[in-house]
Amino acid sequence: MIPMIKPANPKVTEFLTLLQDPDVYDVFKGLVMQVLTDPDCLVLRRIHNIESHLGVDEDYCIWEDSLNEDKEVMMTIPEQFALVSSRIEDVSIPVLKETVLVAGNETEVRARLLRDKLPSVSYRNGKKYMLGPEVQKFLLHEVPQEHRATDKGVRQAAIEVMRKTLEMFPEEVRVAKNAKKRNFIEYIEKVY
């Protein structure tokens, strides 16, 4: 038991004297543990929320594995930052968007690339859009080499990619025909 400063209150002194008895101390410790392990106890809910926020799971613990459950002690946030910082070799190397592509069939990958391209298109008549021939040019020359369309099937590929983009991102794009009956895909800007 941890030694304490001698209190002035005789009842507190008597209580502390009783706690010196190992049997009384075990009962007291059991009562404290019962209060702490009560599901309605705010302390346990807060600890659970802190652990969840820090990413602790069944394999990790926050400070020490006091119950010897073979849990790895989680690094502190400053230690994690230091580790990440030490792994960054050269900050002057730019991160390319094209290096992070989500898997899918060729049309789905091209649709994601087209959706990513549309916000950077210049405004024309107050809208951001690409005509079918512009999408064809994009598929032939601007997408990464491994996802480029061939000259032979580029027109059909452009139509399929515009439809797939609309299917995958209906809140972000619109596909239609203009007054000259040419297909176009328009980027829908979100108003906040």
N, C-alpha and C. Protein backbone atom coordinates (compact mmCIF):
# COMPACT_ATOMS: atom_id res chain seq x y z
N MET A 1 0.84 -1.18 0.00
CA MET A 1 0.00 0.00 0.00
C MET A 1 0.87 1.24 0.00
N ILE A 2 0.42 2.29 -0.65
CA ILE A 2 1.17 3.53 -0.76
C ILE A 2 1.03 4.32 0.54
N PRO A 3 2.16 4.74 1.16
CA PRO A 3 2.06 5.54 2.39
C PRO A 3 1.46 6.90 2.11
N MET A 4 0.63 7.38 3.03
CA MET A 4 -0.06 8.66 2.85
C MET A 4 0.27 9.60 4.00
N ILE A 5 -0.02 10.87 3.81
CA ILE A 5 0.15 11.87 4.87
C ILE A 5 -0.90 11.60 5.94
N LYS A 6 -0.53 11.72 7.17
CA LYS A 6 -1.44 11.43 8.27
C LYS A 6 -2.53 12.50 8.33
N PRO A 7 -3.80 12.09 8.14
CA PRO A 7 -4.90 13.06 8.17
C PRO A 7 -5.27 13.47 9.59
N ALA A 8 -5.96 14.61 9.70
CA ALA A 8 -6.37 15.12 11.00
C ALA A 8 -7.68 14.46 11.45
N ASN A 9 -8.51 14.01 10.54
CA ASN A 9 -9.80 13.42 10.86
C ASN A 9 -9.58 12.02 11.44
N PRO A 10 -10.13 11.74 12.65
CA PRO A 10 -9.92 10.42 13.27
C PRO A 10 -10.59 9.28 12.49
N LYS A 11 -11.70 9.54 11.82
CA LYS A 11 -12.36 8.48 11.05
C LYS A 11 -11.49 8.07 9.86
N VAL A 12 -10.88 9.05 9.21
CA VAL A 12 -9.99 8.76 8.08
C VAL A 12 -8.77 7.99 8.58
N THR A 13 -8.26 8.37 9.74
CA THR A 13 -7.13 7.66 10.33
C THR A 13 -7.50 6.21 10.62
N GLU A 14 -8.69 6.00 11.17
CA GLU A 14 -9.16 4.64 11.45
C GLU A 14 -9.30 3.83 10.15
N PHE A 15 -9.83 4.47 9.09
CA PHE A 15 -9.99 3.81 7.80
C PHE A 15 -8.63 3.38 7.24
N LEU A 16 -7.67 4.30 7.31
CA LEU A 16 -6.34 3.99 6.80
C LEU A 16 -5.68 2.90 7.62
N THR A 17 -5.95 2.85 8.90
CA THR A 17 -5.41 1.79 9.75
C THR A 17 -6.02 0.45 9.35
N LEU A 18 -7.33 0.44 9.08
CA LEU A 18 -7.98 -0.79 8.63
C LEU A 18 -7.40 -1.29 7.30
N LEU A 19 -7.06 -0.34 6.42
CA LEU A 19 -6.50 -0.74 5.13
C LEU A 19 -5.14 -1.41 5.26
N GLN A 20 -4.49 -1.26 6.40
CA GLN A 20 -3.21 -1.93 6.62
C GLN A 20 -3.39 -3.43 6.76
N ASP A 21 -4.59 -3.86 7.14
CA ASP A 21 -4.90 -5.29 7.25
C ASP A 21 -5.05 -5.86 5.83
N PRO A 22 -4.29 -6.91 5.46
CA PRO A 22 -4.34 -7.46 4.10
C PRO A 22 -5.74 -7.92 3.68
N ASP A 23 -6.52 -8.48 4.60
CA ASP A 23 -7.88 -8.93 4.25
C ASP A 23 -8.77 -7.73 3.91
N VAL A 24 -8.70 -6.68 4.70
CA VAL A 24 -9.51 -5.48 4.46
C VAL A 24 -9.05 -4.82 3.16
N TYR A 25 -7.73 -4.77 2.96
CA TYR A 25 -7.21 -4.15 1.75
C TYR A 25 -7.68 -4.90 0.50
N ASP A 26 -7.69 -6.24 0.53
CA ASP A 26 -8.16 -7.03 -0.61
C ASP A 26 -9.64 -6.75 -0.91
N VAL A 27 -10.47 -6.62 0.15
CA VAL A 27 -11.89 -6.31 -0.05
C VAL A 27 -12.03 -4.91 -0.66
N PHE A 28 -11.26 -3.96 -0.12
CA PHE A 28 -11.31 -2.59 -0.65
C PHE A 28 -10.87 -2.56 -2.12
N LYS A 29 -9.80 -3.27 -2.43
CA LYS A 29 -9.31 -3.33 -3.81
C LYS A 29 -10.36 -3.96 -4.72
N GLY A 30 -11.06 -4.98 -4.24
CA GLY A 30 -12.13 -5.60 -5.03
C GLY A 30 -13.27 -4.63 -5.30
N LEU A 31 -13.62 -3.83 -4.29
CA LEU A 31 -14.68 -2.83 -4.47
C LEU A 31 -14.29 -1.77 -5.51
N VAL A 32 -13.05 -1.31 -5.43
CA VAL A 32 -12.57 -0.31 -6.39
C VAL A 32 -12.59 -0.90 -7.80
N MET A 33 -12.12 -2.13 -7.94
CA MET A 33 -12.12 -2.77 -9.26
C MET A 33 -13.55 -2.96 -9.78
N GLN A 34 -14.48 -3.28 -8.89
CA GLN A 34 -15.88 -3.44 -9.28
C GLN A 34 -16.44 -2.12 -9.81
N VAL A 35 -16.10 -1.02 -9.15
CA VAL A 35 -16.56 0.29 -9.61
C VAL A 35 -15.94 0.63 -10.96
N LEU A 36 -14.65 0.37 -11.10
CA LEU A 36 -13.96 0.70 -12.36
C LEU A 36 -14.40 -0.17 -13.53
N THR A 37 -14.80 -1.41 -13.25
CA THR A 37 -15.20 -2.30 -14.35
C THR A 37 -16.69 -2.26 -14.62
N ASP A 38 -17.42 -1.42 -13.92
CA ASP A 38 -18.85 -1.26 -14.17
C ASP A 38 -19.04 -0.67 -15.56
N PRO A 39 -19.88 -1.30 -16.41
CA PRO A 39 -20.05 -0.80 -17.79
C PRO A 39 -20.57 0.64 -17.85
N ASP A 40 -21.27 1.08 -16.85
CA ASP A 40 -21.78 2.44 -16.85
C ASP A 40 -20.77 3.46 -16.33
N CYS A 41 -19.59 2.98 -15.96
CA CYS A 41 -18.57 3.85 -15.38
C CYS A 41 -17.98 4.75 -16.46
N LEU A 42 -17.99 6.03 -16.21
CA LEU A 42 -17.49 7.01 -17.17
C LEU A 42 -15.99 6.83 -17.44
N VAL A 43 -15.23 6.40 -16.44
CA VAL A 43 -13.79 6.23 -16.61
C VAL A 43 -13.49 5.20 -17.70
N LEU A 44 -14.17 4.07 -17.64
CA LEU A 44 -13.92 3.03 -18.64
C LEU A 44 -14.35 3.47 -20.03
N ARG A 45 -15.47 4.17 -20.13
CA ARG A 45 -15.90 4.67 -21.44
C ARG A 45 -14.88 5.64 -22.01
N ARG A 46 -14.33 6.50 -21.16
CA ARG A 46 -13.33 7.45 -21.63
C ARG A 46 -12.06 6.73 -22.07
N ILE A 47 -11.63 5.74 -21.31
CA ILE A 47 -10.44 4.97 -21.70
C ILE A 47 -10.69 4.26 -23.03
N HIS A 48 -11.86 3.67 -23.19
CA HIS A 48 -12.20 3.00 -24.45
C HIS A 48 -12.17 3.99 -25.62
N ASN A 49 -12.74 5.19 -25.42
CA ASN A 49 -12.74 6.20 -26.48
C ASN A 49 -11.32 6.65 -26.82
N ILE A 50 -10.49 6.82 -25.81
CA ILE A 50 -9.09 7.22 -26.05
C ILE A 50 -8.37 6.12 -26.83
N GLU A 51 -8.54 4.87 -26.42
CA GLU A 51 -7.90 3.76 -27.12
C GLU A 51 -8.39 3.67 -28.56
N SER A 52 -9.68 3.84 -28.78
CA SER A 52 -10.22 3.79 -30.14
C SER A 52 -9.64 4.91 -30.98
N HIS A 53 -9.55 6.09 -30.41
CA HIS A 53 -9.02 7.25 -31.13
C HIS A 53 -7.55 7.05 -31.50
N LEU A 54 -6.80 6.40 -30.64
CA LEU A 54 -5.38 6.18 -30.89
C LEU A 54 -5.13 4.97 -31.79
N GLY A 55 -6.16 4.19 -32.07
CA GLY A 55 -5.99 3.03 -32.94
C GLY A 55 -5.60 1.77 -32.20
N VAL A 56 -5.84 1.73 -30.91
CA VAL A 56 -5.49 0.55 -30.13
C VAL A 56 -6.51 -0.55 -30.41
N ASP A 57 -6.03 -1.77 -30.56
CA ASP A 57 -6.94 -2.89 -30.76
C ASP A 57 -6.52 -4.05 -29.86
N GLU A 58 -6.90 -5.24 -30.21
CA GLU A 58 -6.61 -6.41 -29.37
C GLU A 58 -5.11 -6.72 -29.29
N ASP A 59 -4.32 -6.21 -30.23
CA ASP A 59 -2.89 -6.52 -30.26
C ASP A 59 -2.02 -5.48 -29.57
N TYR A 60 -2.60 -4.32 -29.26
CA TYR A 60 -1.81 -3.23 -28.70
C TYR A 60 -2.41 -2.74 -27.38
N CYS A 61 -1.56 -2.13 -26.57
CA CYS A 61 -2.03 -1.46 -25.36
C CYS A 61 -1.35 -0.10 -25.32
N ILE A 62 -1.86 0.80 -24.48
CA ILE A 62 -1.37 2.17 -24.51
C ILE A 62 -0.05 2.33 -23.76
N TRP A 63 0.04 1.92 -22.51
CA TRP A 63 1.28 2.19 -21.79
C TRP A 63 2.04 0.93 -21.40
N GLU A 64 1.41 -0.06 -20.82
CA GLU A 64 2.11 -1.30 -20.49
C GLU A 64 1.12 -2.45 -20.46
N ASP A 65 1.63 -3.63 -20.69
CA ASP A 65 0.81 -4.84 -20.68
C ASP A 65 0.78 -5.38 -19.25
N SER A 66 -0.01 -4.73 -18.41
CA SER A 66 -0.02 -5.06 -16.98
C SER A 66 -0.62 -6.43 -16.69
N LEU A 67 -1.45 -6.94 -17.58
CA LEU A 67 -2.08 -8.25 -17.36
C LEU A 67 -1.34 -9.38 -18.08
N ASN A 68 -0.16 -9.07 -18.66
CA ASN A 68 0.65 -10.05 -19.38
C ASN A 68 -0.15 -10.80 -20.43
N GLU A 69 -0.82 -10.04 -21.31
CA GLU A 69 -1.63 -10.62 -22.37
C GLU A 69 -0.90 -10.63 -23.71
N ASP A 70 0.43 -10.46 -23.67
CA ASP A 70 1.26 -10.44 -24.88
C ASP A 70 0.83 -9.37 -25.86
N LYS A 71 0.45 -8.22 -25.34
CA LYS A 71 0.10 -7.09 -26.19
C LYS A 71 1.33 -6.21 -26.38
N GLU A 72 1.50 -5.70 -27.59
CA GLU A 72 2.61 -4.81 -27.87
C GLU A 72 2.25 -3.41 -27.39
N VAL A 73 3.20 -2.74 -26.73
CA VAL A 73 2.95 -1.39 -26.25
C VAL A 73 3.02 -0.44 -27.44
N MET A 74 1.98 0.34 -27.59
CA MET A 74 1.88 1.27 -28.72
C MET A 74 2.84 2.45 -28.52
N MET A 75 3.45 2.89 -29.63
CA MET A 75 4.34 4.05 -29.55
C MET A 75 3.51 5.30 -29.25
N THR A 76 4.14 6.24 -28.58
CA THR A 76 3.45 7.51 -28.33
C THR A 76 3.34 8.26 -29.65
N ILE A 77 2.45 9.25 -29.69
CA ILE A 77 2.26 10.01 -30.93
C ILE A 77 3.56 10.72 -31.34
N PRO A 78 4.32 11.35 -30.42
CA PRO A 78 5.60 11.94 -30.85
C PRO A 78 6.56 10.89 -31.42
N GLU A 79 6.58 9.69 -30.84
CA GLU A 79 7.44 8.63 -31.38
C GLU A 79 6.99 8.22 -32.78
N GLN A 80 5.67 8.16 -32.99
CA GLN A 80 5.16 7.82 -34.32
C GLN A 80 5.53 8.89 -35.33
N PHE A 81 5.40 10.18 -34.96
CA PHE A 81 5.80 11.27 -35.85
C PHE A 81 7.28 11.19 -36.19
N ALA A 82 8.11 10.90 -35.18
CA ALA A 82 9.55 10.80 -35.41
C ALA A 82 9.86 9.66 -36.38
N LEU A 83 9.16 8.55 -36.24
CA LEU A 83 9.37 7.41 -37.13
C LEU A 83 8.99 7.76 -38.56
N VAL A 84 7.83 8.40 -38.73
CA VAL A 84 7.39 8.79 -40.08
C VAL A 84 8.36 9.80 -40.67
N SER A 85 8.78 10.77 -39.86
CA SER A 85 9.72 11.79 -40.34
C SER A 85 11.03 11.16 -40.79
N SER A 86 11.50 10.18 -40.05
CA SER A 86 12.76 9.55 -40.42
C SER A 86 12.65 8.74 -41.70
N ARG A 87 11.45 8.31 -42.05
CA ARG A 87 11.26 7.52 -43.26
C ARG A 87 11.13 8.37 -44.51
N ILE A 88 10.89 9.65 -44.35
CA ILE A 88 10.77 10.53 -45.51
C ILE A 88 12.19 10.85 -45.96
N GLU A 89 12.54 10.41 -47.15
CA GLU A 89 13.91 10.57 -47.61
C GLU A 89 14.16 11.92 -48.27
N ASP A 90 13.28 12.32 -49.16
CA ASP A 90 13.52 13.56 -49.89
C ASP A 90 12.18 14.25 -50.16
N VAL A 91 11.96 15.37 -49.50
CA VAL A 91 10.69 16.07 -49.65
C VAL A 91 10.59 16.81 -50.98
N SER A 92 11.70 16.92 -51.71
CA SER A 92 11.66 17.63 -52.98
C SER A 92 11.06 16.78 -54.10
N ILE A 93 10.91 15.49 -53.88
CA ILE A 93 10.32 14.62 -54.90
C ILE A 93 8.81 14.77 -54.84
N PRO A 94 8.17 15.20 -55.94
CA PRO A 94 6.71 15.38 -55.93
C PRO A 94 5.99 14.03 -55.95
N VAL A 95 4.83 14.00 -55.34
CA VAL A 95 4.00 12.81 -55.36
C VAL A 95 3.05 12.95 -56.55
N LEU A 96 3.08 11.99 -57.43
CA LEU A 96 2.25 12.05 -58.62
C LEU A 96 0.90 11.44 -58.36
N LYS A 97 -0.16 12.11 -58.81
CA LYS A 97 -1.51 11.59 -58.62
C LYS A 97 -1.68 10.24 -59.31
N GLU A 98 -1.03 10.10 -60.48
CA GLU A 98 -1.22 8.90 -61.27
C GLU A 98 -0.70 7.64 -60.58
N THR A 99 0.17 7.82 -59.57
CA THR A 99 0.72 6.65 -58.90
C THR A 99 -0.27 6.00 -57.97
N VAL A 100 -1.37 6.66 -57.65
CA VAL A 100 -2.34 6.12 -56.72
C VAL A 100 -3.65 5.87 -57.48
N LEU A 101 -3.70 4.78 -58.21
CA LEU A 101 -4.90 4.43 -58.95
C LEU A 101 -5.61 3.30 -58.23
N VAL A 102 -6.91 3.39 -58.20
CA VAL A 102 -7.70 2.33 -57.60
C VAL A 102 -7.90 1.25 -58.66
N ALA A 103 -7.81 0.02 -58.24
CA ALA A 103 -7.94 -1.09 -59.18
C ALA A 103 -9.34 -1.13 -59.78
N GLY A 104 -9.44 -1.73 -60.93
CA GLY A 104 -10.70 -1.91 -61.62
C GLY A 104 -10.41 -2.29 -63.05
N ASN A 105 -11.45 -2.50 -63.84
CA ASN A 105 -11.18 -2.81 -65.23
C ASN A 105 -10.72 -1.54 -65.93
N GLU A 106 -10.28 -1.67 -67.17
CA GLU A 106 -9.69 -0.55 -67.89
C GLU A 106 -10.63 0.65 -68.00
N THR A 107 -11.90 0.40 -68.26
CA THR A 107 -12.86 1.49 -68.40
C THR A 107 -13.05 2.22 -67.07
N GLU A 108 -13.09 1.48 -65.95
CA GLU A 108 -13.25 2.11 -64.64
C GLU A 108 -12.04 2.97 -64.29
N VAL A 109 -10.84 2.48 -64.60
CA VAL A 109 -9.62 3.26 -64.32
C VAL A 109 -9.63 4.53 -65.15
N ARG A 110 -9.97 4.41 -66.43
CA ARG A 110 -10.04 5.59 -67.30
C ARG A 110 -11.12 6.56 -66.82
N ALA A 111 -12.24 6.03 -66.31
CA ALA A 111 -13.32 6.88 -65.81
C ALA A 111 -12.84 7.69 -64.60
N ARG A 112 -12.08 7.06 -63.72
CA ARG A 112 -11.54 7.80 -62.56
C ARG A 112 -10.57 8.89 -63.03
N LEU A 113 -9.74 8.55 -64.01
CA LEU A 113 -8.79 9.53 -64.53
C LEU A 113 -9.53 10.71 -65.16
N LEU A 114 -10.60 10.42 -65.90
CA LEU A 114 -11.38 11.49 -66.54
C LEU A 114 -12.05 12.36 -65.48
N ARG A 115 -12.61 11.73 -64.45
CA ARG A 115 -13.24 12.49 -63.36
C ARG A 115 -12.21 13.39 -62.67
N ASP A 116 -10.98 12.89 -62.49
CA ASP A 116 -9.93 13.69 -61.88
C ASP A 116 -9.48 14.84 -62.78
N LYS A 117 -9.59 14.66 -64.09
CA LYS A 117 -9.18 15.69 -65.05
C LYS A 117 -10.19 16.83 -65.14
N LEU A 118 -11.48 16.51 -65.06
CA LEU A 118 -12.54 17.50 -65.31
C LEU A 118 -12.45 18.76 -64.46
N PRO A 119 -12.14 18.70 -63.16
CA PRO A 119 -12.07 19.95 -62.38
C PRO A 119 -11.00 20.91 -62.88
N SER A 120 -9.97 20.41 -63.56
CA SER A 120 -8.89 21.27 -64.02
C SER A 120 -9.12 21.83 -65.42
N VAL A 121 -10.22 21.43 -66.07
CA VAL A 121 -10.53 21.93 -67.41
C VAL A 121 -10.95 23.40 -67.30
N SER A 122 -10.56 24.19 -68.30
CA SER A 122 -10.91 25.62 -68.31
C SER A 122 -12.41 25.81 -68.50
N TYR A 123 -12.93 26.90 -67.93
CA TYR A 123 -14.35 27.23 -68.10
C TYR A 123 -14.61 27.64 -69.55
N ARG A 124 -15.74 27.18 -70.08
CA ARG A 124 -16.24 27.63 -71.38
C ARG A 124 -17.73 27.84 -71.22
N ASN A 125 -18.18 29.01 -71.54
CA ASN A 125 -19.59 29.35 -71.37
C ASN A 125 -20.05 29.12 -69.92
N GLY A 126 -19.17 29.38 -68.97
CA GLY A 126 -19.51 29.26 -67.56
C GLY A 126 -19.55 27.84 -67.03
N LYS A 127 -19.06 26.87 -67.83
CA LYS A 127 -19.09 25.47 -67.40
C LYS A 127 -17.74 24.82 -67.68
N LYS A 128 -17.47 23.75 -66.94
CA LYS A 128 -16.27 22.95 -67.19
C LYS A 128 -16.74 21.66 -67.86
N TYR A 129 -16.35 21.48 -69.12
CA TYR A 129 -16.78 20.27 -69.82
C TYR A 129 -15.75 19.91 -70.89
N MET A 130 -15.87 18.68 -71.36
CA MET A 130 -15.03 18.19 -72.44
C MET A 130 -15.94 17.58 -73.50
N LEU A 131 -15.70 17.90 -74.75
CA LEU A 131 -16.43 17.28 -75.86
C LEU A 131 -15.84 15.90 -76.13
N GLY A 132 -16.61 15.09 -76.85
CA GLY A 132 -16.15 13.74 -77.18
C GLY A 132 -14.75 13.69 -77.77
N PRO A 133 -14.43 14.53 -78.79
CA PRO A 133 -13.08 14.51 -79.35
C PRO A 133 -12.00 14.89 -78.33
N GLU A 134 -12.33 15.75 -77.38
CA GLU A 134 -11.37 16.12 -76.34
C GLU A 134 -11.13 14.94 -75.40
N VAL A 135 -12.18 14.18 -75.11
CA VAL A 135 -12.02 12.98 -74.28
C VAL A 135 -11.16 11.97 -75.04
N GLN A 136 -11.37 11.86 -76.36
CA GLN A 136 -10.55 10.95 -77.17
C GLN A 136 -9.08 11.34 -77.09
N LYS A 137 -8.80 12.62 -77.25
CA LYS A 137 -7.42 13.12 -77.16
C LYS A 137 -6.83 12.83 -75.78
N PHE A 138 -7.65 13.03 -74.74
CA PHE A 138 -7.22 12.74 -73.37
C PHE A 138 -6.84 11.27 -73.24
N LEU A 139 -7.67 10.38 -73.77
CA LEU A 139 -7.42 8.93 -73.67
C LEU A 139 -6.21 8.50 -74.49
N LEU A 140 -5.92 9.22 -75.56
CA LEU A 140 -4.77 8.88 -76.41
C LEU A 140 -3.45 9.42 -75.89
N HIS A 141 -3.46 10.60 -75.25
CA HIS A 141 -2.20 11.28 -74.96
C HIS A 141 -1.95 11.63 -73.49
N GLU A 142 -3.00 11.79 -72.68
CA GLU A 142 -2.79 12.33 -71.33
C GLU A 142 -2.85 11.28 -70.22
N VAL A 143 -3.53 10.20 -70.43
CA VAL A 143 -3.59 9.18 -69.37
C VAL A 143 -2.25 8.43 -69.33
N PRO A 144 -1.92 7.78 -68.21
CA PRO A 144 -0.68 7.01 -68.16
C PRO A 144 -0.62 5.97 -69.28
N GLN A 145 0.57 5.69 -69.73
CA GLN A 145 0.80 4.82 -70.89
C GLN A 145 0.04 3.50 -70.80
N GLU A 146 0.03 2.89 -69.63
CA GLU A 146 -0.60 1.56 -69.48
C GLU A 146 -2.13 1.60 -69.60
N HIS A 147 -2.72 2.78 -69.56
CA HIS A 147 -4.19 2.90 -69.65
C HIS A 147 -4.66 3.63 -70.91
N ARG A 148 -3.75 3.91 -71.81
CA ARG A 148 -4.12 4.66 -73.02
C ARG A 148 -4.94 3.81 -73.97
N ALA A 149 -5.80 4.51 -74.69
CA ALA A 149 -6.61 3.86 -75.73
C ALA A 149 -5.79 3.80 -77.02
N THR A 150 -6.21 2.94 -77.94
CA THR A 150 -5.55 2.86 -79.25
C THR A 150 -6.29 3.74 -80.24
N ASP A 151 -5.60 4.14 -81.29
CA ASP A 151 -6.22 4.99 -82.32
C ASP A 151 -7.45 4.32 -82.92
N LYS A 152 -7.39 3.01 -83.05
CA LYS A 152 -8.45 2.28 -83.73
C LYS A 152 -9.79 2.37 -83.00
N GLY A 153 -9.79 2.20 -81.69
CA GLY A 153 -11.06 2.15 -80.95
C GLY A 153 -11.29 3.33 -80.03
N VAL A 154 -10.63 4.45 -80.28
CA VAL A 154 -10.68 5.56 -79.33
C VAL A 154 -12.06 6.20 -79.27
N ARG A 155 -12.77 6.27 -80.38
CA ARG A 155 -14.10 6.91 -80.36
C ARG A 155 -15.06 6.14 -79.46
N GLN A 156 -15.10 4.82 -79.64
CA GLN A 156 -15.98 3.99 -78.81
C GLN A 156 -15.51 4.00 -77.36
N ALA A 157 -14.19 3.98 -77.16
CA ALA A 157 -13.65 4.02 -75.80
C ALA A 157 -14.06 5.30 -75.09
N ALA A 158 -14.03 6.44 -75.80
CA ALA A 158 -14.42 7.73 -75.20
C ALA A 158 -15.88 7.70 -74.76
N ILE A 159 -16.75 7.14 -75.60
CA ILE A 159 -18.18 7.05 -75.26
C ILE A 159 -18.36 6.16 -74.02
N GLU A 160 -17.69 5.01 -74.01
CA GLU A 160 -17.81 4.09 -72.87
C GLU A 160 -17.26 4.72 -71.58
N VAL A 161 -16.15 5.43 -71.69
CA VAL A 161 -15.54 6.05 -70.50
C VAL A 161 -16.46 7.16 -69.96
N MET A 162 -17.06 7.95 -70.85
CA MET A 162 -17.98 9.00 -70.38
C MET A 162 -19.18 8.37 -69.68
N ARG A 163 -19.73 7.30 -70.24
CA ARG A 163 -20.88 6.63 -69.59
C ARG A 163 -20.47 6.03 -68.25
N LYS A 164 -19.29 5.39 -68.20
CA LYS A 164 -18.83 4.77 -66.96
C LYS A 164 -18.56 5.85 -65.90
N THR A 165 -18.03 6.99 -66.33
CA THR A 165 -17.79 8.09 -65.38
C THR A 165 -19.10 8.56 -64.78
N LEU A 166 -20.12 8.69 -65.62
CA LEU A 166 -21.45 9.09 -65.13
C LEU A 166 -22.01 8.03 -64.19
N GLU A 167 -21.82 6.77 -64.53
CA GLU A 167 -22.32 5.67 -63.69
C GLU A 167 -21.62 5.65 -62.33
N MET A 168 -20.32 5.88 -62.34
CA MET A 168 -19.54 5.80 -61.10
C MET A 168 -19.65 7.08 -60.25
N PHE A 169 -19.82 8.24 -60.90
CA PHE A 169 -19.83 9.52 -60.20
C PHE A 169 -21.03 10.37 -60.62
N PRO A 170 -22.25 9.89 -60.38
CA PRO A 170 -23.43 10.62 -60.86
C PRO A 170 -23.62 11.99 -60.22
N GLU A 171 -23.06 12.21 -59.05
CA GLU A 171 -23.19 13.51 -58.38
C GLU A 171 -22.17 14.52 -58.88
N GLU A 172 -21.16 14.05 -59.63
CA GLU A 172 -20.06 14.92 -60.01
C GLU A 172 -20.03 15.27 -61.49
N VAL A 173 -20.67 14.44 -62.33
CA VAL A 173 -20.62 14.70 -63.77
C VAL A 173 -22.00 14.56 -64.41
N ARG A 174 -22.09 15.13 -65.62
CA ARG A 174 -23.32 15.02 -66.41
C ARG A 174 -22.87 14.75 -67.84
N VAL A 175 -23.54 13.79 -68.49
CA VAL A 175 -23.24 13.47 -69.88
C VAL A 175 -24.47 13.81 -70.71
N ALA A 176 -24.25 14.51 -71.84
CA ALA A 176 -25.36 14.90 -72.70
C ALA A 176 -24.82 15.17 -74.11
N LYS A 177 -25.71 15.67 -74.97
CA LYS A 177 -25.32 16.08 -76.33
C LYS A 177 -25.59 17.57 -76.46
N ASN A 178 -24.70 18.25 -77.17
CA ASN A 178 -24.90 19.68 -77.36
C ASN A 178 -25.82 19.94 -78.55
N ALA A 179 -25.96 21.20 -78.93
CA ALA A 179 -26.87 21.57 -80.03
C ALA A 179 -26.45 20.95 -81.36
N LYS A 180 -25.17 20.67 -81.51
CA LYS A 180 -24.67 20.06 -82.74
C LYS A 180 -24.67 18.53 -82.65
N LYS A 181 -25.35 17.98 -81.64
CA LYS A 181 -25.50 16.53 -81.41
C LYS A 181 -24.16 15.84 -81.11
N ARG A 182 -23.24 16.60 -80.48
CA ARG A 182 -21.96 16.02 -80.09
C ARG A 182 -21.99 15.71 -78.60
N ASN A 183 -21.48 14.53 -78.25
CA ASN A 183 -21.43 14.13 -76.85
C ASN A 183 -20.47 15.03 -76.08
N PHE A 184 -20.83 15.31 -74.82
CA PHE A 184 -19.91 16.01 -73.93
C PHE A 184 -20.13 15.52 -72.51
N ILE A 185 -19.10 15.72 -71.68
CA ILE A 185 -19.19 15.38 -70.26
C ILE A 185 -18.87 16.65 -69.49
N GLU A 186 -19.75 16.98 -68.55
CA GLU A 186 -19.62 18.23 -67.79
C GLU A 186 -19.34 17.93 -66.33
N TYR A 187 -18.44 18.70 -65.76
CA TYR A 187 -18.13 18.60 -64.34
C TYR A 187 -19.14 19.44 -63.57
N ILE A 188 -19.80 18.84 -62.57
CA ILE A 188 -20.78 19.54 -61.73
C ILE A 188 -20.05 20.02 -60.47
N GLU A 189 -19.94 21.33 -60.37
CA GLU A 189 -19.27 21.89 -59.19
C GLU A 189 -20.22 21.91 -58.01
N LYS A 190 -19.71 21.52 -56.87
CA LYS A 190 -20.54 21.52 -55.66
C LYS A 190 -20.59 22.91 -55.08
N VAL A 191 -21.78 23.36 -54.74
CA VAL A 191 -21.96 24.66 -54.13
C VAL A 191 -22.08 24.46 -52.63
N TYR A 192 -21.27 25.17 -51.87
CA TYR A 192 -21.29 25.03 -50.42
C TYR A 192 -21.97 26.19 -49.78
